All heavy atoms as atom14 arrays in JSON, in Angstrom:
{
  "sequence": "GVIIGRTSEFFDFFVFAIASVIVFPQRIFPFVDPLSGTLLSFALLA",
  "atom14_mask": [
    [1, 1, 1, 1, 0, 0, 0, 0, 0, 0, 0, 0, 0, 0],
    [1, 1, 1, 1, 1, 1, 1, 0, 0, 0, 0, 0, 0, 0],
    [1, 1, 1, 1, 1, 1, 1, 1, 0, 0, 0, 0, 0, 0],
    [1, 1, 1, 1, 1, 1, 1, 1, 0, 0, 0, 0, 0, 0],
    [1, 1, 1, 1, 0, 0, 0, 0, 0, 0, 0, 0, 0, 0],
    [1, 1, 1, 1, 1, 1, 1, 1, 1, 1, 1, 0, 0, 0],
    [1, 1, 1, 1, 1, 1, 1, 0, 0, 0, 0, 0, 0, 0],
    [1, 1, 1, 1, 1, 1, 0, 0, 0, 0, 0, 0, 0, 0],
    [1, 1, 1, 1, 1, 1, 1, 1, 1, 0, 0, 0, 0, 0],
    [1, 1, 1, 1, 1, 1, 1, 1, 1, 1, 1, 0, 0, 0],
    [1, 1, 1, 1, 1, 1, 1, 1, 1, 1, 1, 0, 0, 0],
    [1, 1, 1, 1, 1, 1, 1, 1, 0, 0, 0, 0, 0, 0],
    [1, 1, 1, 1, 1, 1, 1, 1, 1, 1, 1, 0, 0, 0],
    [1, 1, 1, 1, 1, 1, 1, 1, 1, 1, 1, 0, 0, 0],
    [1, 1, 1, 1, 1, 1, 1, 0, 0, 0, 0, 0, 0, 0],
    [1, 1, 1, 1, 1, 1, 1, 1, 1, 1, 1, 0, 0, 0],
    [1, 1, 1, 1, 1, 0, 0, 0, 0, 0, 0, 0, 0, 0],
    [1, 1, 1, 1, 1, 1, 1, 1, 0, 0, 0, 0, 0, 0],
    [1, 1, 1, 1, 1, 0, 0, 0, 0, 0, 0, 0, 0, 0],
    [1, 1, 1, 1, 1, 1, 0, 0, 0, 0, 0, 0, 0, 0],
    [1, 1, 1, 1, 1, 1, 1, 0, 0, 0, 0, 0, 0, 0],
    [1, 1, 1, 1, 1, 1, 1, 1, 0, 0, 0, 0, 0, 0],
    [1, 1, 1, 1, 1, 1, 1, 0, 0, 0, 0, 0, 0, 0],
    [1, 1, 1, 1, 1, 1, 1, 1, 1, 1, 1, 0, 0, 0],
    [1, 1, 1, 1, 1, 1, 1, 0, 0, 0, 0, 0, 0, 0],
    [1, 1, 1, 1, 1, 1, 1, 1, 1, 0, 0, 0, 0, 0],
    [1, 1, 1, 1, 1, 1, 1, 1, 1, 1, 1, 0, 0, 0],
    [1, 1, 1, 1, 1, 1, 1, 1, 0, 0, 0, 0, 0, 0],
    [1, 1, 1, 1, 1, 1, 1, 1, 1, 1, 1, 0, 0, 0],
    [1, 1, 1, 1, 1, 1, 1, 0, 0, 0, 0, 0, 0, 0],
    [1, 1, 1, 1, 1, 1, 1, 1, 1, 1, 1, 0, 0, 0],
    [1, 1, 1, 1, 1, 1, 1, 0, 0, 0, 0, 0, 0, 0],
    [1, 1, 1, 1, 1, 1, 1, 1, 0, 0, 0, 0, 0, 0],
    [1, 1, 1, 1, 1, 1, 1, 0, 0, 0, 0, 0, 0, 0],
    [1, 1, 1, 1, 1, 1, 1, 1, 0, 0, 0, 0, 0, 0],
    [1, 1, 1, 1, 1, 1, 0, 0, 0, 0, 0, 0, 0, 0],
    [1, 1, 1, 1, 0, 0, 0, 0, 0, 0, 0, 0, 0, 0],
    [1, 1, 1, 1, 1, 1, 1, 0, 0, 0, 0, 0, 0, 0],
    [1, 1, 1, 1, 1, 1, 1, 1, 0, 0, 0, 0, 0, 0],
    [1, 1, 1, 1, 1, 1, 1, 1, 0, 0, 0, 0, 0, 0],
    [1, 1, 1, 1, 1, 1, 0, 0, 0, 0, 0, 0, 0, 0],
    [1, 1, 1, 1, 1, 1, 1, 1, 1, 1, 1, 0, 0, 0],
    [1, 1, 1, 1, 1, 0, 0, 0, 0, 0, 0, 0, 0, 0],
    [1, 1, 1, 1, 1, 1, 1, 1, 0, 0, 0, 0, 0, 0],
    [1, 1, 1, 1, 1, 1, 1, 1, 0, 0, 0, 0, 0, 0],
    [1, 1, 1, 1, 1, 0, 0, 0, 0, 0, 0, 0, 0, 0]
  ],
  "atom14_positions": [
    [[-3.62, 3.32, -22.79], [-3.08, 4.24, -21.76], [-4.15, 4.89, -20.95], [-4.11, 5.01, -19.82], [0.0, 0.0, 0.0], [0.0, 0.0, 0.0], [0.0, 0.0, 0.0], [0.0, 0.0, 0.0], [0.0, 0.0, 0.0], [0.0, 0.0, 0.0], [0.0, 0.0, 0.0], [0.0, 0.0, 0.0], [0.0, 0.0, 0.0], [0.0, 0.0, 0.0]],
    [[-5.15, 5.43, -21.76], [-6.31, 6.08, -21.1], [-7.11, 5.21, -20.06], [-7.36, 5.48, -18.98], [-7.31, 6.61, -22.09], [-8.54, 7.2, -21.53], [-6.58, 7.77, -22.94], [0.0, 0.0, 0.0], [0.0, 0.0, 0.0], [0.0, 0.0, 0.0], [0.0, 0.0, 0.0], [0.0, 0.0, 0.0], [0.0, 0.0, 0.0], [0.0, 0.0, 0.0]],
    [[-7.44, 3.95, -20.56], [-8.15, 2.98, -19.78], [-7.45, 2.65, -18.5], [-7.97, 2.69, -17.44], [-8.57, 1.78, -20.6], [-9.5, 2.2, -21.65], [-9.15, 0.72, -19.67], [-9.86, 0.99, -22.61], [0.0, 0.0, 0.0], [0.0, 0.0, 0.0], [0.0, 0.0, 0.0], [0.0, 0.0, 0.0], [0.0, 0.0, 0.0], [0.0, 0.0, 0.0]],
    [[-6.11, 2.44, -18.61], [-5.31, 1.86, -17.48], [-5.27, 3.05, -16.56], [-5.46, 2.98, -15.32], [-3.99, 1.41, -17.95], [-4.0, 0.18, -18.79], [-3.1, 1.29, -16.7], [-2.64, -0.21, -19.4], [0.0, 0.0, 0.0], [0.0, 0.0, 0.0], [0.0, 0.0, 0.0], [0.0, 0.0, 0.0], [0.0, 0.0, 0.0], [0.0, 0.0, 0.0]],
    [[-4.97, 4.25, -16.95], [-4.91, 5.43, -16.13], [-6.16, 5.76, -15.36], [-6.22, 5.93, -14.19], [0.0, 0.0, 0.0], [0.0, 0.0, 0.0], [0.0, 0.0, 0.0], [0.0, 0.0, 0.0], [0.0, 0.0, 0.0], [0.0, 0.0, 0.0], [0.0, 0.0, 0.0], [0.0, 0.0, 0.0], [0.0, 0.0, 0.0], [0.0, 0.0, 0.0]],
    [[-7.23, 5.76, -16.03], [-8.56, 6.18, -15.47], [-9.07, 5.06, -14.5], [-9.61, 5.34, -13.48], [-9.67, 6.24, -16.52], [-9.42, 7.5, -17.37], [-9.36, 8.83, -16.63], [-10.76, 9.13, -16.17], [-11.6, 9.81, -16.9], [-11.41, 10.17, -18.05], [-12.81, 10.09, -16.4], [0.0, 0.0, 0.0], [0.0, 0.0, 0.0], [0.0, 0.0, 0.0]],
    [[-8.67, 3.72, -14.79], [-9.04, 2.71, -13.9], [-8.29, 2.88, -12.54], [-8.95, 2.58, -11.48], [-8.73, 1.31, -14.53], [-9.45, 1.05, -15.71], [-8.94, 0.15, -13.51], [0.0, 0.0, 0.0], [0.0, 0.0, 0.0], [0.0, 0.0, 0.0], [0.0, 0.0, 0.0], [0.0, 0.0, 0.0], [0.0, 0.0, 0.0], [0.0, 0.0, 0.0]],
    [[-7.01, 3.17, -12.6], [-6.32, 3.34, -11.37], [-6.88, 4.58, -10.64], [-6.89, 4.38, -9.31], [-4.83, 3.52, -11.77], [-4.51, 4.86, -12.24], [0.0, 0.0, 0.0], [0.0, 0.0, 0.0], [0.0, 0.0, 0.0], [0.0, 0.0, 0.0], [0.0, 0.0, 0.0], [0.0, 0.0, 0.0], [0.0, 0.0, 0.0], [0.0, 0.0, 0.0]],
    [[-7.19, 5.54, -11.17], [-7.76, 6.76, -10.46], [-9.06, 6.32, -9.81], [-9.26, 6.7, -8.66], [-7.96, 7.9, -11.46], [-6.67, 8.47, -12.02], [-6.91, 9.37, -13.08], [-8.12, 9.78, -13.33], [-5.93, 9.82, -13.83], [0.0, 0.0, 0.0], [0.0, 0.0, 0.0], [0.0, 0.0, 0.0], [0.0, 0.0, 0.0], [0.0, 0.0, 0.0]],
    [[-9.87, 5.7, -10.51], [-11.22, 5.41, -9.91], [-11.1, 4.18, -8.94], [-11.89, 4.22, -8.0], [-12.15, 4.96, -11.07], [-12.83, 6.18, -11.69], [-12.5, 6.56, -13.0], [-13.82, 6.91, -11.11], [-12.9, 7.7, -13.63], [-14.26, 8.08, -11.68], [-13.98, 8.32, -12.97], [0.0, 0.0, 0.0], [0.0, 0.0, 0.0], [0.0, 0.0, 0.0]],
    [[-10.23, 3.38, -9.01], [-9.96, 2.23, -8.11], [-9.6, 2.95, -6.71], [-10.2, 2.7, -5.66], [-8.88, 1.35, -8.48], [-8.58, 0.26, -7.46], [-9.41, -0.8, -7.22], [-7.42, 0.4, -6.7], [-9.13, -1.77, -6.29], [-7.09, -0.51, -5.72], [-7.95, -1.65, -5.58], [0.0, 0.0, 0.0], [0.0, 0.0, 0.0], [0.0, 0.0, 0.0]],
    [[-8.7, 4.0, -6.69], [-8.23, 4.64, -5.57], [-9.52, 5.27, -4.93], [-9.8, 5.37, -3.66], [-7.25, 5.73, -5.9], [-5.86, 5.12, -6.13], [-5.73, 3.9, -5.98], [-4.92, 5.88, -6.43], [0.0, 0.0, 0.0], [0.0, 0.0, 0.0], [0.0, 0.0, 0.0], [0.0, 0.0, 0.0], [0.0, 0.0, 0.0], [0.0, 0.0, 0.0]],
    [[-10.33, 6.02, -5.88], [-11.59, 6.68, -5.33], [-12.53, 5.72, -4.7], [-12.93, 6.02, -3.64], [-12.22, 7.35, -6.49], [-13.56, 7.75, -6.08], [-13.81, 9.02, -5.37], [-14.8, 7.07, -6.56], [-15.08, 9.34, -5.14], [-16.01, 7.42, -6.24], [-16.07, 8.6, -5.48], [0.0, 0.0, 0.0], [0.0, 0.0, 0.0], [0.0, 0.0, 0.0]],
    [[-12.76, 4.54, -5.24], [-13.77, 3.64, -4.72], [-13.27, 2.97, -3.45], [-14.09, 2.62, -2.59], [-14.22, 2.7, -5.8], [-15.12, 3.11, -6.82], [-14.86, 3.2, -8.13], [-16.43, 3.67, -6.42], [-15.62, 3.69, -9.09], [-17.33, 4.21, -7.34], [-16.92, 4.13, -8.68], [0.0, 0.0, 0.0], [0.0, 0.0, 0.0], [0.0, 0.0, 0.0]],
    [[-12.01, 2.78, -3.36], [-11.37, 2.08, -2.15], [-11.71, 3.02, -0.95], [-12.16, 2.6, 0.16], [-9.92, 1.77, -2.24], [-9.36, 1.6, -1.0], [-9.65, 0.66, -3.14], [0.0, 0.0, 0.0], [0.0, 0.0, 0.0], [0.0, 0.0, 0.0], [0.0, 0.0, 0.0], [0.0, 0.0, 0.0], [0.0, 0.0, 0.0], [0.0, 0.0, 0.0]],
    [[-11.51, 4.34, -1.09], [-11.82, 5.31, 0.0], [-13.29, 5.36, 0.19], [-13.74, 5.35, 1.28], [-11.22, 6.58, -0.39], [-11.27, 7.7, 0.75], [-10.27, 7.8, 1.65], [-12.37, 8.4, 0.85], [-10.35, 8.73, 2.72], [-12.48, 9.29, 2.07], [-11.52, 9.47, 2.91], [0.0, 0.0, 0.0], [0.0, 0.0, 0.0], [0.0, 0.0, 0.0]],
    [[-14.12, 5.35, -0.84], [-15.49, 5.59, -0.77], [-16.25, 4.37, -0.08], [-16.89, 4.6, 0.87], [-16.13, 5.78, -2.13], [0.0, 0.0, 0.0], [0.0, 0.0, 0.0], [0.0, 0.0, 0.0], [0.0, 0.0, 0.0], [0.0, 0.0, 0.0], [0.0, 0.0, 0.0], [0.0, 0.0, 0.0], [0.0, 0.0, 0.0], [0.0, 0.0, 0.0]],
    [[-15.73, 3.16, -0.34], [-16.28, 2.07, 0.27], [-15.88, 2.13, 1.79], [-16.78, 1.8, 2.6], [-15.9, 0.79, -0.49], [-16.52, 0.63, -1.72], [-16.18, -0.46, 0.39], [-16.01, -0.39, -2.55], [0.0, 0.0, 0.0], [0.0, 0.0, 0.0], [0.0, 0.0, 0.0], [0.0, 0.0, 0.0], [0.0, 0.0, 0.0], [0.0, 0.0, 0.0]],
    [[-14.65, 2.37, 2.06], [-14.2, 2.45, 3.43], [-14.95, 3.54, 4.21], [-15.1, 3.31, 5.43], [-12.59, 2.66, 3.43], [0.0, 0.0, 0.0], [0.0, 0.0, 0.0], [0.0, 0.0, 0.0], [0.0, 0.0, 0.0], [0.0, 0.0, 0.0], [0.0, 0.0, 0.0], [0.0, 0.0, 0.0], [0.0, 0.0, 0.0], [0.0, 0.0, 0.0]],
    [[-15.34, 4.63, 3.53], [-16.06, 5.74, 4.27], [-17.33, 5.11, 4.73], [-17.97, 5.86, 5.74], [-16.36, 6.84, 3.25], [-15.13, 7.48, 2.8], [0.0, 0.0, 0.0], [0.0, 0.0, 0.0], [0.0, 0.0, 0.0], [0.0, 0.0, 0.0], [0.0, 0.0, 0.0], [0.0, 0.0, 0.0], [0.0, 0.0, 0.0], [0.0, 0.0, 0.0]],
    [[-17.91, 4.09, 4.13], [-19.18, 3.56, 4.74], [-19.06, 2.52, 5.71], [-19.61, 2.38, 6.73], [-20.06, 3.03, 3.55], [-21.35, 2.33, 3.99], [-20.41, 4.22, 2.49], [0.0, 0.0, 0.0], [0.0, 0.0, 0.0], [0.0, 0.0, 0.0], [0.0, 0.0, 0.0], [0.0, 0.0, 0.0], [0.0, 0.0, 0.0], [0.0, 0.0, 0.0]],
    [[-18.05, 1.46, 5.39], [-18.05, 0.32, 6.2], [-16.84, 0.24, 7.16], [-16.8, -0.58, 8.07], [-17.99, -1.0, 5.22], [-16.55, -0.92, 4.57], [-19.15, -0.96, 4.27], [-16.49, -2.11, 3.63], [0.0, 0.0, 0.0], [0.0, 0.0, 0.0], [0.0, 0.0, 0.0], [0.0, 0.0, 0.0], [0.0, 0.0, 0.0], [0.0, 0.0, 0.0]],
    [[-15.89, 1.38, 7.12], [-14.83, 1.21, 7.95], [-14.56, 2.43, 8.91], [-14.66, 2.38, 10.04], [-13.42, 0.98, 7.31], [-12.27, 0.98, 8.19], [-13.54, -0.33, 6.57], [0.0, 0.0, 0.0], [0.0, 0.0, 0.0], [0.0, 0.0, 0.0], [0.0, 0.0, 0.0], [0.0, 0.0, 0.0], [0.0, 0.0, 0.0], [0.0, 0.0, 0.0]],
    [[-14.54, 3.6, 8.22], [-14.16, 4.86, 8.91], [-15.23, 5.18, 9.97], [-14.82, 5.75, 11.06], [-13.99, 6.02, 8.04], [-12.94, 5.81, 7.03], [-12.81, 6.32, 5.6], [-11.83, 5.01, 7.4], [-11.83, 6.13, 4.88], [-10.65, 4.75, 6.41], [-10.73, 5.38, 5.23], [0.0, 0.0, 0.0], [0.0, 0.0, 0.0], [0.0, 0.0, 0.0]],
    [[-16.49, 5.03, 9.82], [-17.5, 5.33, 10.87], [-17.17, 4.67, 12.22], [-17.32, 5.23, 13.2], [-18.73, 5.05, 10.34], [-18.69, 5.17, 8.8], [-17.22, 4.65, 8.55], [0.0, 0.0, 0.0], [0.0, 0.0, 0.0], [0.0, 0.0, 0.0], [0.0, 0.0, 0.0], [0.0, 0.0, 0.0], [0.0, 0.0, 0.0], [0.0, 0.0, 0.0]],
    [[-16.61, 3.46, 12.06], [-16.28, 2.64, 13.28], [-14.82, 2.97, 13.79], [-14.64, 2.86, 15.05], [-16.51, 1.21, 12.99], [-17.89, 0.83, 12.56], [-18.15, -0.54, 12.29], [-18.05, -1.47, 13.13], [-18.6, -1.0, 10.91], [0.0, 0.0, 0.0], [0.0, 0.0, 0.0], [0.0, 0.0, 0.0], [0.0, 0.0, 0.0], [0.0, 0.0, 0.0]],
    [[-13.99, 3.17, 12.88], [-12.52, 3.24, 13.31], [-12.06, 4.77, 13.59], [-11.32, 5.0, 14.48], [-11.61, 2.63, 12.35], [-11.75, 1.0, 12.34], [-10.6, 0.56, 11.4], [-9.28, 0.97, 11.94], [-8.52, 0.34, 12.95], [-9.05, -0.75, 13.5], [-7.34, 0.87, 13.28], [0.0, 0.0, 0.0], [0.0, 0.0, 0.0], [0.0, 0.0, 0.0]],
    [[-12.6, 5.64, 12.81], [-12.15, 6.93, 12.95], [-13.34, 7.93, 13.65], [-12.83, 8.85, 14.3], [-12.04, 7.6, 11.45], [-11.04, 6.72, 10.64], [-11.37, 9.02, 11.56], [-9.67, 6.53, 11.38], [0.0, 0.0, 0.0], [0.0, 0.0, 0.0], [0.0, 0.0, 0.0], [0.0, 0.0, 0.0], [0.0, 0.0, 0.0], [0.0, 0.0, 0.0]],
    [[-14.48, 7.53, 13.54], [-15.62, 8.3, 14.26], [-16.39, 7.39, 15.08], [-17.73, 7.58, 15.11], [-16.45, 8.95, 13.27], [-15.59, 9.92, 12.16], [-15.47, 9.43, 10.94], [-15.19, 11.07, 12.54], [-14.81, 10.26, 9.95], [-14.53, 11.82, 11.8], [-14.3, 11.49, 10.38], [0.0, 0.0, 0.0], [0.0, 0.0, 0.0], [0.0, 0.0, 0.0]],
    [[-15.8, 6.66, 16.07], [-16.63, 5.75, 16.88], [-17.41, 6.62, 18.01], [-18.17, 5.88, 18.65], [-15.53, 4.84, 17.54], [-14.33, 5.71, 17.54], [-14.47, 6.59, 16.26], [0.0, 0.0, 0.0], [0.0, 0.0, 0.0], [0.0, 0.0, 0.0], [0.0, 0.0, 0.0], [0.0, 0.0, 0.0], [0.0, 0.0, 0.0], [0.0, 0.0, 0.0]],
    [[-17.0, 7.87, 18.09], [-17.58, 8.56, 19.31], [-18.98, 9.13, 18.92], [-19.62, 9.87, 19.76], [-16.59, 9.66, 19.69], [-16.18, 10.62, 18.5], [-16.98, 11.7, 18.11], [-15.01, 10.26, 17.81], [-16.5, 12.46, 16.97], [-14.61, 11.03, 16.69], [-15.45, 12.28, 16.43], [0.0, 0.0, 0.0], [0.0, 0.0, 0.0], [0.0, 0.0, 0.0]],
    [[-19.44, 8.84, 17.7], [-20.71, 9.35, 17.28], [-21.53, 8.15, 16.83], [-20.94, 7.12, 16.59], [-20.67, 10.54, 16.24], [-19.98, 11.69, 16.68], [-20.0, 9.88, 14.92], [0.0, 0.0, 0.0], [0.0, 0.0, 0.0], [0.0, 0.0, 0.0], [0.0, 0.0, 0.0], [0.0, 0.0, 0.0], [0.0, 0.0, 0.0], [0.0, 0.0, 0.0]],
    [[-22.8, 8.44, 16.56], [-23.7, 7.28, 16.05], [-23.28, 6.92, 14.7], [-22.71, 7.72, 14.0], [-25.23, 7.68, 16.22], [-25.45, 8.99, 15.32], [-25.79, 8.61, 14.09], [-25.3, 10.14, 15.87], [0.0, 0.0, 0.0], [0.0, 0.0, 0.0], [0.0, 0.0, 0.0], [0.0, 0.0, 0.0], [0.0, 0.0, 0.0], [0.0, 0.0, 0.0]],
    [[-23.7, 5.82, 14.16], [-23.21, 5.29, 12.75], [-23.66, 6.28, 11.7], [-22.83, 6.46, 10.68], [-23.99, 3.92, 12.64], [-24.1, 3.48, 13.99], [-24.39, 4.71, 14.88], [0.0, 0.0, 0.0], [0.0, 0.0, 0.0], [0.0, 0.0, 0.0], [0.0, 0.0, 0.0], [0.0, 0.0, 0.0], [0.0, 0.0, 0.0], [0.0, 0.0, 0.0]],
    [[-24.82, 6.87, 11.71], [-25.2, 7.82, 10.68], [-24.32, 9.05, 10.8], [-23.77, 9.52, 9.6], [-26.7, 8.32, 11.0], [-27.22, 9.56, 10.0], [-27.05, 9.03, 8.59], [-28.51, 10.0, 10.45], [0.0, 0.0, 0.0], [0.0, 0.0, 0.0], [0.0, 0.0, 0.0], [0.0, 0.0, 0.0], [0.0, 0.0, 0.0], [0.0, 0.0, 0.0]],
    [[-24.13, 9.65, 11.86], [-23.33, 10.83, 11.86], [-21.73, 10.43, 11.51], [-21.11, 11.2, 10.84], [-23.15, 11.36, 13.4], [-24.37, 11.81, 13.76], [0.0, 0.0, 0.0], [0.0, 0.0, 0.0], [0.0, 0.0, 0.0], [0.0, 0.0, 0.0], [0.0, 0.0, 0.0], [0.0, 0.0, 0.0], [0.0, 0.0, 0.0], [0.0, 0.0, 0.0]],
    [[-21.35, 9.18, 11.95], [-19.96, 8.84, 11.53], [-19.92, 8.74, 9.95], [-18.89, 9.06, 9.38], [0.0, 0.0, 0.0], [0.0, 0.0, 0.0], [0.0, 0.0, 0.0], [0.0, 0.0, 0.0], [0.0, 0.0, 0.0], [0.0, 0.0, 0.0], [0.0, 0.0, 0.0], [0.0, 0.0, 0.0], [0.0, 0.0, 0.0], [0.0, 0.0, 0.0]],
    [[-20.97, 8.17, 9.3], [-20.94, 8.12, 7.86], [-20.91, 9.53, 7.2], [-20.29, 9.81, 6.23], [-22.09, 7.33, 7.46], [-22.2, 6.06, 8.05], [-22.13, 7.02, 5.87], [0.0, 0.0, 0.0], [0.0, 0.0, 0.0], [0.0, 0.0, 0.0], [0.0, 0.0, 0.0], [0.0, 0.0, 0.0], [0.0, 0.0, 0.0], [0.0, 0.0, 0.0]],
    [[-21.73, 10.48, 7.75], [-21.85, 11.78, 7.28], [-20.38, 12.45, 7.42], [-20.03, 13.1, 6.43], [-22.92, 12.52, 8.02], [-24.35, 12.12, 7.64], [-25.31, 12.9, 8.59], [-24.66, 12.38, 6.11], [0.0, 0.0, 0.0], [0.0, 0.0, 0.0], [0.0, 0.0, 0.0], [0.0, 0.0, 0.0], [0.0, 0.0, 0.0], [0.0, 0.0, 0.0]],
    [[-19.72, 12.24, 8.49], [-18.4, 12.88, 8.66], [-17.41, 12.19, 7.65], [-16.7, 12.91, 7.18], [-18.03, 12.62, 10.21], [-18.71, 13.47, 11.22], [-18.32, 13.07, 12.53], [-18.43, 15.01, 11.02], [0.0, 0.0, 0.0], [0.0, 0.0, 0.0], [0.0, 0.0, 0.0], [0.0, 0.0, 0.0], [0.0, 0.0, 0.0], [0.0, 0.0, 0.0]],
    [[-17.54, 10.96, 7.46], [-16.62, 10.31, 6.45], [-17.0, 10.86, 5.11], [-16.07, 10.99, 4.25], [-16.99, 8.75, 6.41], [-16.59, 8.12, 7.67], [0.0, 0.0, 0.0], [0.0, 0.0, 0.0], [0.0, 0.0, 0.0], [0.0, 0.0, 0.0], [0.0, 0.0, 0.0], [0.0, 0.0, 0.0], [0.0, 0.0, 0.0], [0.0, 0.0, 0.0]],
    [[-18.18, 11.08, 4.75], [-18.52, 11.65, 3.45], [-17.98, 13.09, 3.29], [-17.69, 13.63, 2.21], [-20.06, 11.72, 3.3], [-20.7, 10.39, 2.85], [-21.93, 10.14, 2.84], [-19.86, 9.27, 2.52], [-22.5, 8.85, 2.51], [-20.37, 8.04, 2.16], [-21.58, 7.84, 2.22], [0.0, 0.0, 0.0], [0.0, 0.0, 0.0], [0.0, 0.0, 0.0]],
    [[-17.94, 13.83, 4.46], [-17.33, 15.1, 4.39], [-15.83, 14.99, 4.03], [-15.29, 15.82, 3.17], [-17.54, 15.89, 5.74], [0.0, 0.0, 0.0], [0.0, 0.0, 0.0], [0.0, 0.0, 0.0], [0.0, 0.0, 0.0], [0.0, 0.0, 0.0], [0.0, 0.0, 0.0], [0.0, 0.0, 0.0], [0.0, 0.0, 0.0], [0.0, 0.0, 0.0]],
    [[-15.21, 14.08, 4.57], [-13.8, 13.72, 4.1], [-13.68, 13.42, 2.69], [-12.82, 13.8, 2.08], [-13.15, 12.57, 5.04], [-13.01, 12.99, 6.49], [-12.29, 11.91, 7.26], [-12.07, 14.26, 6.69], [0.0, 0.0, 0.0], [0.0, 0.0, 0.0], [0.0, 0.0, 0.0], [0.0, 0.0, 0.0], [0.0, 0.0, 0.0], [0.0, 0.0, 0.0]],
    [[-14.67, 12.66, 2.34], [-14.75, 12.17, 0.83], [-14.8, 13.3, -0.15], [-14.1, 13.39, -1.1], [-15.98, 11.27, 0.66], [-16.19, 10.67, -0.73], [-15.21, 9.53, -1.04], [-17.61, 10.16, -1.04], [0.0, 0.0, 0.0], [0.0, 0.0, 0.0], [0.0, 0.0, 0.0], [0.0, 0.0, 0.0], [0.0, 0.0, 0.0], [0.0, 0.0, 0.0]],
    [[-15.67, 14.41, 0.37], [-15.64, 15.59, -0.39], [-14.47, 16.49, -0.49], [-14.29, 17.21, -1.42], [-16.88, 16.45, 0.04], [0.0, 0.0, 0.0], [0.0, 0.0, 0.0], [0.0, 0.0, 0.0], [0.0, 0.0, 0.0], [0.0, 0.0, 0.0], [0.0, 0.0, 0.0], [0.0, 0.0, 0.0], [0.0, 0.0, 0.0], [0.0, 0.0, 0.0]]
  ]
}
């Protein structure tokens, strides 16, 4: 039960984290440069 539960939690986390780098800077923060978009995405991650 522990392994299944923790795997689901970390899967959710990593889906958002990966998207914060490769998706959100272009789709949610396209009005800034890629670096700034990534930093803003990391702020949402936090």
